[in-house]
């Protein structure tokens, strides 16, 4: 059975500057509209941190370093033998200038405390505060795509 499992691996990396965080305001035509952190699909054979740094650079123009692993958010669809994994990072080490015309949406430095009030996808709103807590997190969701329903969900601070 494990031969037929499809796994997609993604990264997300929030860039912090003092009490502000860099977020993208994605338009509807890009999918996942609202405020979100930079990230995307890992390119084989790059490492997780290489992929996270590449995605930040492509989406913001900033070069990041000293990424801190914050946790895993994964969605599993048992009927489809599908696993979608997002490895999450935080960094305050960056250089460069923001892109004038970023490809994924407009860029905004936002107060961490005010960010919670911005329009976000529910899964990102749930994950967002976990970036700023001690330790790492694990979010595990079993999703039924046919029924569009979450069958099980756990959120753990590790």
Protein backbone atom coordinates (compact mmCIF):
# COMPACT_ATOMS: atom_id res chain seq x y z
CA UNK A 1 0.00 0.00 0.00
CA UNK A 2 2.85 2.43 0.71
CA UNK A 3 3.95 2.18 -2.94
CA UNK A 4 0.95 4.23 -4.03
CA UNK A 5 1.22 7.10 -1.54
CA UNK A 6 1.74 10.53 -3.04
CA UNK A 7 3.66 13.01 -0.88
CA UNK A 8 4.03 16.72 -1.62
CA UNK A 9 6.55 18.68 0.45
CA UNK A 10 6.26 22.42 0.97
CA UNK A 11 8.01 25.01 3.11
CA UNK A 12 7.00 28.29 4.67
CA UNK A 13 9.38 30.80 6.22
CA UNK A 14 8.27 33.88 8.12
CA UNK A 15 10.72 36.77 8.12
CA UNK A 16 10.73 38.78 11.36
CA UNK A 17 12.08 42.29 11.90
CA UNK A 18 11.62 43.25 15.56
CA UNK A 19 7.89 43.17 16.30
CA UNK A 20 6.96 43.02 12.60
CA UNK A 21 6.56 40.08 10.25
CA UNK A 22 6.66 40.08 6.44
CA UNK A 23 3.46 38.76 4.89
CA UNK A 24 2.14 38.47 1.36
CA UNK A 25 -1.38 39.63 0.58
CA UNK A 26 -2.30 37.07 -2.10
CA UNK A 27 -5.05 37.88 -4.60
CA UNK A 28 -7.79 35.31 -5.25
CA UNK A 29 -6.40 34.39 -8.67
CA UNK A 30 -3.22 33.02 -7.01
CA UNK A 31 -5.13 30.64 -4.74
CA UNK A 32 -5.20 30.85 -0.93
CA UNK A 33 -6.19 34.56 -0.93
CA UNK A 34 -5.41 36.76 2.06
CA UNK A 35 -2.30 37.27 4.12
CA UNK A 36 0.18 34.40 4.17
CA UNK A 37 3.87 33.75 4.72
CA UNK A 38 6.30 33.17 1.85
CA UNK A 39 6.67 29.57 0.85
CA UNK A 40 6.05 26.90 -1.72
CA UNK A 41 6.85 23.47 -3.05
CA UNK A 42 10.25 21.93 -2.48
CA UNK A 43 12.27 21.29 -5.64
CA UNK A 44 14.00 17.91 -5.72
CA UNK A 45 16.78 17.41 -4.58
CA UNK A 46 17.12 20.63 -2.54
CA UNK A 47 17.07 20.45 1.26
CA UNK A 48 14.16 21.80 3.27
CA UNK A 49 16.05 24.93 4.35
CA UNK A 50 17.40 25.52 0.84
CA UNK A 51 13.85 25.33 -0.47
CA UNK A 52 12.51 27.65 2.22
CA UNK A 53 15.26 30.23 1.52
CA UNK A 54 14.70 29.97 -2.25
CA UNK A 55 10.96 30.52 -1.87
CA UNK A 56 11.51 33.59 0.33
CA UNK A 57 13.93 35.01 -2.24
CA UNK A 58 11.62 34.30 -5.21
CA UNK A 59 8.56 35.77 -3.49
CA UNK A 60 10.13 38.72 -1.63
CA UNK A 61 13.63 39.46 -2.95
CA UNK A 62 15.16 38.92 0.50
CA UNK A 63 18.02 36.49 1.14
CA UNK A 64 17.50 34.74 4.46
CA UNK A 65 19.81 32.73 6.69
CA UNK A 66 19.83 31.08 10.13
CA UNK A 67 16.38 29.58 9.69
CA UNK A 68 14.80 28.23 12.88
CA UNK A 69 12.62 25.15 12.43
CA UNK A 70 9.24 25.81 14.04
CA UNK A 71 7.14 22.83 13.10
CA UNK A 72 5.25 20.62 10.71
CA UNK A 73 1.73 21.12 9.39
CA UNK A 74 0.48 18.10 7.46
CA UNK A 75 -2.74 17.12 5.79
CA UNK A 76 -3.52 13.50 4.95
CA UNK A 77 -6.29 12.31 2.62
CA UNK A 78 -6.60 8.59 3.37
CA UNK A 79 -8.96 7.85 0.45
CA UNK A 80 -6.47 9.33 -2.02
CA UNK A 81 -3.30 8.00 -0.31
CA UNK A 82 -2.07 11.58 -0.24
CA UNK A 83 0.11 13.42 2.27
CA UNK A 84 0.78 17.19 2.06
CA UNK A 85 3.57 18.33 4.39
CA UNK A 86 4.55 21.93 5.17
CA UNK A 87 7.82 22.47 7.05
CA UNK A 88 7.70 25.85 8.80
CA UNK A 89 10.59 28.17 9.62
CA UNK A 90 11.19 31.57 11.19
CA UNK A 91 14.15 33.89 10.72
CA UNK A 92 15.21 37.39 11.62
CA UNK A 93 18.37 37.20 9.50
CA UNK A 94 17.83 38.71 6.07
CA UNK A 95 19.38 41.09 3.56
CA UNK A 96 18.33 42.69 0.32
CA UNK A 97 15.44 44.78 -0.87
CA UNK A 98 11.80 43.84 -1.30
CA UNK A 99 10.73 43.16 -4.87
CA UNK A 100 8.86 46.10 -6.43
CA UNK A 101 6.42 43.72 -8.19
CA UNK A 102 6.37 40.46 -6.21
CA UNK A 103 4.90 37.48 -8.12
CA UNK A 104 2.59 36.14 -5.37
CA UNK A 105 0.95 39.32 -4.03
CA UNK A 106 1.79 42.58 -2.31
CA UNK A 107 4.31 42.53 0.54
CA UNK A 108 3.59 44.10 3.94
CA UNK A 109 5.57 44.43 7.16
CA UNK A 110 2.87 43.89 9.76
CA UNK A 111 2.90 44.02 13.55
CA UNK A 112 2.81 40.44 14.85
CA UNK A 113 -0.02 41.36 17.25
CA UNK A 114 -2.08 43.12 14.55
CA UNK A 115 -1.54 40.35 11.98
CA UNK A 116 -4.13 38.14 13.70
CA UNK A 117 -6.84 40.60 12.62
CA UNK A 118 -5.95 40.42 8.91
CA UNK A 119 -7.86 38.21 6.48
CA UNK A 120 -6.08 34.84 6.41
CA UNK A 121 -6.88 31.31 5.38
CA UNK A 122 -8.16 29.43 8.47
CA UNK A 123 -5.22 27.00 8.40
CA UNK A 124 -2.69 29.85 8.35
CA UNK A 125 -4.53 31.79 11.10
CA UNK A 126 -4.33 28.62 13.27
CA UNK A 127 -0.63 28.10 12.50
CA UNK A 128 0.53 31.76 12.71
CA UNK A 129 0.80 32.18 16.53
CA UNK A 130 2.73 28.89 16.81
CA UNK A 131 5.71 30.48 15.02
CA UNK A 132 6.25 32.76 18.03
CA UNK A 133 5.96 30.20 20.83
CA UNK A 134 8.84 28.30 22.40
CA UNK A 135 9.71 24.96 20.87
CA UNK A 136 8.18 23.36 17.83
CA UNK A 137 4.68 22.39 16.79
CA UNK A 138 2.96 19.59 14.95
CA UNK A 139 -0.40 20.00 13.27
CA UNK A 140 -1.88 16.83 11.83
CA UNK A 141 -5.14 16.81 9.88
CA UNK A 142 -6.97 13.98 8.19
CA UNK A 143 -9.01 15.47 5.37
CA UNK A 144 -11.67 13.93 3.14
CA UNK A 145 -11.48 15.80 -0.18
CA UNK A 146 -14.65 14.14 -1.54
CA UNK A 147 -16.74 15.24 1.43
CA UNK A 148 -14.74 18.46 2.07
CA UNK A 149 -14.53 17.68 5.77
CA UNK A 150 -11.80 17.34 8.40
CA UNK A 151 -12.06 13.91 10.01
CA UNK A 152 -9.36 14.39 12.64
CA UNK A 153 -7.10 17.21 13.74
CA UNK A 154 -4.43 17.50 16.41
CA UNK A 155 -2.28 20.50 17.29
CA UNK A 156 0.67 19.81 19.57
CA UNK A 157 3.38 21.96 21.08
CA UNK A 158 6.49 19.79 21.24
